[in-house]
Amino acid sequence: MQESNKGLTPAVKPLFCLKTMHIITRFMRFFFYHFYHTFAWTYDFVAAVVSIGRWQEWIQTVIPFIEGTRILEIGHGPGHLQRILRTRGLPAVGLDESRQMAYLAKRNTNGSARLARGLAQSLPFPSETFDSVVSTFPAEYIFDPRTLSDVYRVLHNGGRFIVLPAAWIIGRAFLDRIAAWLFRVTGETPANIMDIINERTIHPLEQAGFKIETRQIKFASSMALILIAAK
């Protein structure tokens, strides 16, 4: 007697996977919306936990690639890069959609930050205003064609768009292994990160007119990926 096939048929599996991924994607969008808004006050704690205290070290990796003095940070969050840039004589304009994040950024910079509230897809600045535009650990909006088109517009000729899209743990200590496991659970292993970067970011940046360079910055137990897009 012929044994019957068990489980999902090949025709059903892709449909099941697509529905599952759609549900996960919707959940993650819901989660991050409230993370950046309703629960913005937890941002620093969560970032410190998932990075084992390396978050602020990672965000500083973009600084050596900044050129000029007219700088825009998209998605300034709680304002840590704003504060660091000011201490280095590089005061930047910060843009974020979240009112809660703007409050935290003002507090973390003692009220000195120059902030604007708005969307990256419609930047409220004149054309060719900035020498560098920077964004660290942004959400998916950063590679929306409308965002890339507007970033290109507000940059001077020869200006740079510098993005830190991802970082990951490579250490072997106990806490490092826990953090690495969390990255695997969320699908953000190094191999997956590079696949996602190549598929979702490099091509859109090139389509927007940028020339792309990638850098991997290695720390003792972690790696950070930098995208440098020149106009």
Protein backbone atom coordinates (compact mmCIF):
# COMPACT_ATOMS: atom_id res chain seq x y z
CA MET A 1 0.00 0.00 0.00
CA GLN A 2 1.34 3.43 -0.94
CA GLU A 3 2.12 5.63 2.03
CA SER A 4 0.19 8.90 2.04
CA ASN A 5 2.02 12.22 2.20
CA LYS A 6 1.83 13.78 5.63
CA GLY A 7 1.77 17.43 6.52
CA LEU A 8 1.35 20.34 4.16
CA THR A 9 1.61 19.75 0.43
CA PRO A 10 4.26 21.72 -1.49
CA ALA A 11 1.49 23.86 -3.00
CA VAL A 12 0.15 24.81 0.42
CA LYS A 13 3.47 25.46 2.14
CA PRO A 14 4.35 28.69 0.27
CA LEU A 15 0.86 30.09 0.91
CA PHE A 16 1.10 29.18 4.59
CA CYS A 17 4.55 30.78 4.83
CA LEU A 18 3.37 33.94 3.07
CA LYS A 19 0.43 34.31 5.45
CA THR A 20 2.69 33.67 8.43
CA MET A 21 5.23 36.26 7.27
CA HIS A 22 2.41 38.76 6.65
CA ILE A 23 1.16 38.30 10.21
CA ILE A 24 4.68 38.64 11.61
CA THR A 25 5.32 41.76 9.54
CA ARG A 26 2.09 43.39 10.73
CA PHE A 27 2.90 42.52 14.33
CA MET A 28 6.42 43.95 14.06
CA ARG A 29 5.08 47.18 12.59
CA PHE A 30 2.54 47.42 15.40
CA PHE A 31 5.25 46.71 17.98
CA PHE A 32 7.74 49.25 16.64
CA TYR A 33 5.10 51.95 16.25
CA HIS A 34 4.28 51.74 19.93
CA PHE A 35 7.95 51.27 20.83
CA TYR A 36 8.77 54.62 19.20
CA HIS A 37 5.65 56.36 20.48
CA THR A 38 3.65 55.07 23.45
CA PHE A 39 6.60 53.26 25.02
CA ALA A 40 9.39 55.55 23.82
CA TRP A 41 10.51 55.91 27.44
CA THR A 42 11.68 52.25 27.33
CA TYR A 43 13.87 52.76 24.25
CA ASP A 44 17.22 53.21 25.98
CA PHE A 45 16.64 50.27 28.31
CA VAL A 46 15.61 47.90 25.51
CA ALA A 47 18.46 49.06 23.26
CA ALA A 48 20.99 48.52 26.04
CA VAL A 49 19.65 45.05 26.82
CA VAL A 50 19.54 43.70 23.25
CA SER A 51 22.99 45.12 22.46
CA ILE A 52 24.53 44.20 25.83
CA GLY A 53 25.39 47.85 26.38
CA ARG A 54 26.95 48.43 22.96
CA TRP A 55 24.19 50.54 21.39
CA GLN A 56 25.81 53.94 21.86
CA GLU A 57 29.17 52.55 20.76
CA TRP A 58 27.53 51.34 17.56
CA ILE A 59 25.78 54.60 16.70
CA GLN A 60 29.09 56.47 16.88
CA THR A 61 30.47 54.40 13.99
CA VAL A 62 28.83 56.79 11.52
CA ILE A 63 30.74 59.85 12.76
CA PRO A 64 34.04 59.31 10.86
CA PHE A 65 32.10 59.19 7.59
CA ILE A 66 30.29 62.51 8.10
CA GLU A 67 31.54 65.32 5.87
CA GLY A 68 30.91 69.04 6.19
CA THR A 69 29.17 70.91 8.98
CA ARG A 70 25.59 71.06 7.74
CA ILE A 71 24.22 67.76 9.03
CA LEU A 72 20.75 66.25 9.18
CA GLU A 73 19.94 63.23 11.34
CA ILE A 74 16.81 61.36 10.25
CA GLY A 75 15.12 59.46 13.08
CA HIS A 76 16.99 61.15 15.93
CA GLY A 77 15.23 59.01 18.56
CA PRO A 78 16.20 59.89 22.14
CA GLY A 79 18.94 62.23 20.90
CA HIS A 80 22.16 60.45 21.82
CA LEU A 81 23.87 61.03 18.48
CA GLN A 82 22.66 64.63 18.59
CA ARG A 83 24.39 65.06 21.95
CA ILE A 84 27.61 63.36 20.82
CA LEU A 85 27.84 65.41 17.62
CA ARG A 86 27.38 68.65 19.56
CA THR A 87 30.25 67.76 21.90
CA ARG A 88 32.43 67.32 18.80
CA GLY A 89 31.51 70.69 17.36
CA LEU A 90 29.12 69.21 14.79
CA PRO A 91 25.63 70.36 15.78
CA ALA A 92 23.11 68.57 13.59
CA VAL A 93 19.48 69.19 12.79
CA GLY A 94 17.36 66.25 13.94
CA LEU A 95 14.14 65.03 12.34
CA ASP A 96 11.70 62.52 13.83
CA GLU A 97 8.00 61.82 13.44
CA SER A 98 7.58 60.84 17.09
CA ARG A 99 6.59 63.59 19.51
CA GLN A 100 7.68 61.36 22.40
CA MET A 101 11.15 60.92 20.94
CA ALA A 102 11.47 64.67 20.45
CA TYR A 103 10.74 65.15 24.15
CA LEU A 104 13.45 62.63 25.10
CA ALA A 105 15.95 64.19 22.69
CA LYS A 106 15.38 67.65 24.14
CA ARG A 107 15.87 66.27 27.64
CA ASN A 108 19.02 64.34 26.73
CA THR A 109 20.61 67.39 25.11
CA ASN A 110 19.60 69.83 27.85
CA GLY A 111 17.27 71.55 25.42
CA SER A 112 20.04 72.44 22.97
CA ALA A 113 19.05 70.14 20.10
CA ARG A 114 17.66 71.68 16.92
CA LEU A 115 14.76 69.40 16.11
CA ALA A 116 12.03 69.24 13.51
CA ARG A 117 9.02 66.97 13.48
CA GLY A 118 8.13 65.40 10.15
CA LEU A 119 8.38 62.45 7.80
CA ALA A 120 11.50 61.31 6.00
CA GLN A 121 9.42 60.86 2.85
CA SER A 122 8.72 64.61 2.79
CA LEU A 123 11.66 66.43 4.35
CA PRO A 124 10.75 70.01 5.40
CA PHE A 125 14.00 71.53 4.09
CA PRO A 126 15.05 73.35 0.90
CA SER A 127 17.01 71.55 -1.79
CA GLU A 128 20.79 71.23 -1.37
CA THR A 129 20.73 72.24 2.30
CA PHE A 130 22.98 69.58 3.87
CA ASP A 131 26.50 68.23 3.45
CA SER A 132 25.65 64.94 5.19
CA VAL A 133 22.46 63.11 6.12
CA VAL A 134 22.79 60.36 8.70
CA SER A 135 20.49 57.71 10.17
CA THR A 136 21.25 54.99 12.72
CA PHE A 137 19.14 51.83 13.10
CA PRO A 138 16.21 53.31 11.16
CA ALA A 139 12.93 51.55 10.47
CA GLU A 140 11.99 50.42 6.95
CA TYR A 141 10.86 53.92 5.91
CA ILE A 142 14.49 54.90 5.35
CA PHE A 143 14.68 52.94 2.08
CA ASP A 144 11.26 54.01 0.82
CA PRO A 145 11.88 55.47 -2.67
CA ARG A 146 10.20 58.70 -1.52
CA THR A 147 12.67 58.99 1.37
CA LEU A 148 15.67 58.34 -0.86
CA SER A 149 14.45 60.84 -3.42
CA ASP A 150 14.04 63.54 -0.79
CA VAL A 151 17.38 62.78 0.87
CA TYR A 152 19.00 63.13 -2.55
CA ARG A 153 17.20 66.44 -3.01
CA VAL A 154 18.34 68.03 0.27
CA LEU A 155 21.99 66.99 -0.14
CA HIS A 156 24.56 69.23 -1.80
CA ASN A 157 26.25 67.79 -4.87
CA GLY A 158 28.92 65.46 -3.51
CA GLY A 159 27.05 65.13 -0.21
CA ARG A 160 26.75 61.88 1.72
CA PHE A 161 23.88 59.79 3.05
CA ILE A 162 25.29 57.62 5.85
CA VAL A 163 23.18 54.80 7.26
CA LEU A 164 23.86 52.32 10.06
CA PRO A 165 21.20 49.70 9.24
CA ALA A 166 22.43 46.83 11.38
CA ALA A 167 24.92 45.50 13.93
CA TRP A 168 25.34 42.04 15.37
CA ILE A 169 27.14 40.12 18.08
CA ILE A 170 30.12 37.89 17.23
CA GLY A 171 31.57 37.33 20.73
CA ARG A 172 31.55 33.96 22.51
CA ALA A 173 30.97 35.08 26.09
CA PHE A 174 27.76 33.93 27.79
CA LEU A 175 25.90 37.22 27.33
CA ASP A 176 27.19 37.50 23.77
CA ARG A 177 25.71 34.10 22.94
CA ILE A 178 22.35 35.13 24.42
CA ALA A 179 22.35 38.32 22.35
CA ALA A 180 23.36 36.38 19.23
CA TRP A 181 20.47 33.98 19.88
CA LEU A 182 18.06 36.92 20.05
CA PHE A 183 19.37 38.12 16.69
CA ARG A 184 18.79 34.67 15.19
CA VAL A 185 15.25 34.54 16.60
CA THR A 186 14.43 37.83 14.87
CA GLY A 187 16.05 36.66 11.63
CA GLU A 188 18.90 39.17 11.88
CA THR A 189 21.85 36.85 11.52
CA PRO A 190 24.81 38.28 9.56
CA ALA A 191 23.97 36.21 6.46
CA ASN A 192 20.36 37.34 6.51
CA ILE A 193 21.38 40.93 7.14
CA MET A 194 23.56 41.00 4.02
CA ASP A 195 20.81 39.38 1.94
CA ILE A 196 18.34 41.99 3.17
CA ILE A 197 20.81 44.84 2.59
CA ASN A 198 21.52 43.72 -0.95
CA GLU A 199 17.87 43.19 -1.80
CA ARG A 200 16.19 46.10 -0.05
CA THR A 201 18.78 48.85 0.14
CA ILE A 202 21.56 48.75 -2.44
CA HIS A 203 19.26 48.67 -5.47
CA PRO A 204 16.88 51.39 -4.19
CA LEU A 205 19.84 53.65 -3.37
CA GLU A 206 21.30 53.16 -6.84
CA GLN A 207 17.88 53.78 -8.39
CA ALA A 208 17.74 57.09 -6.49
CA GLY A 209 21.04 58.13 -8.08
CA PHE A 210 23.49 57.38 -5.24
CA LYS A 211 26.89 55.73 -5.53
CA ILE A 212 27.16 53.12 -2.78
CA GLU A 213 30.01 52.01 -0.55
CA THR A 214 29.67 49.54 2.34
CA ARG A 215 31.88 49.24 5.40
CA GLN A 216 31.91 46.64 8.17
CA ILE A 217 33.28 47.99 11.45
CA LYS A 218 34.63 45.30 13.75
CA PHE A 219 34.67 45.59 17.53
CA ALA A 220 35.97 43.08 20.07
CA SER A 221 32.72 41.12 20.09
CA SER A 222 30.43 42.75 17.54
CA MET A 223 30.18 44.07 14.00
CA ALA A 224 28.44 47.14 12.60
CA LEU A 225 27.48 47.69 8.98
CA ILE A 226 27.70 51.17 7.44
CA LEU A 227 26.25 52.26 4.10
CA ILE A 228 27.77 55.37 2.53
CA ALA A 229 25.74 56.74 -0.37
CA ALA A 230 27.29 59.64 -2.27
CA LYS A 231 25.28 62.09 -4.38
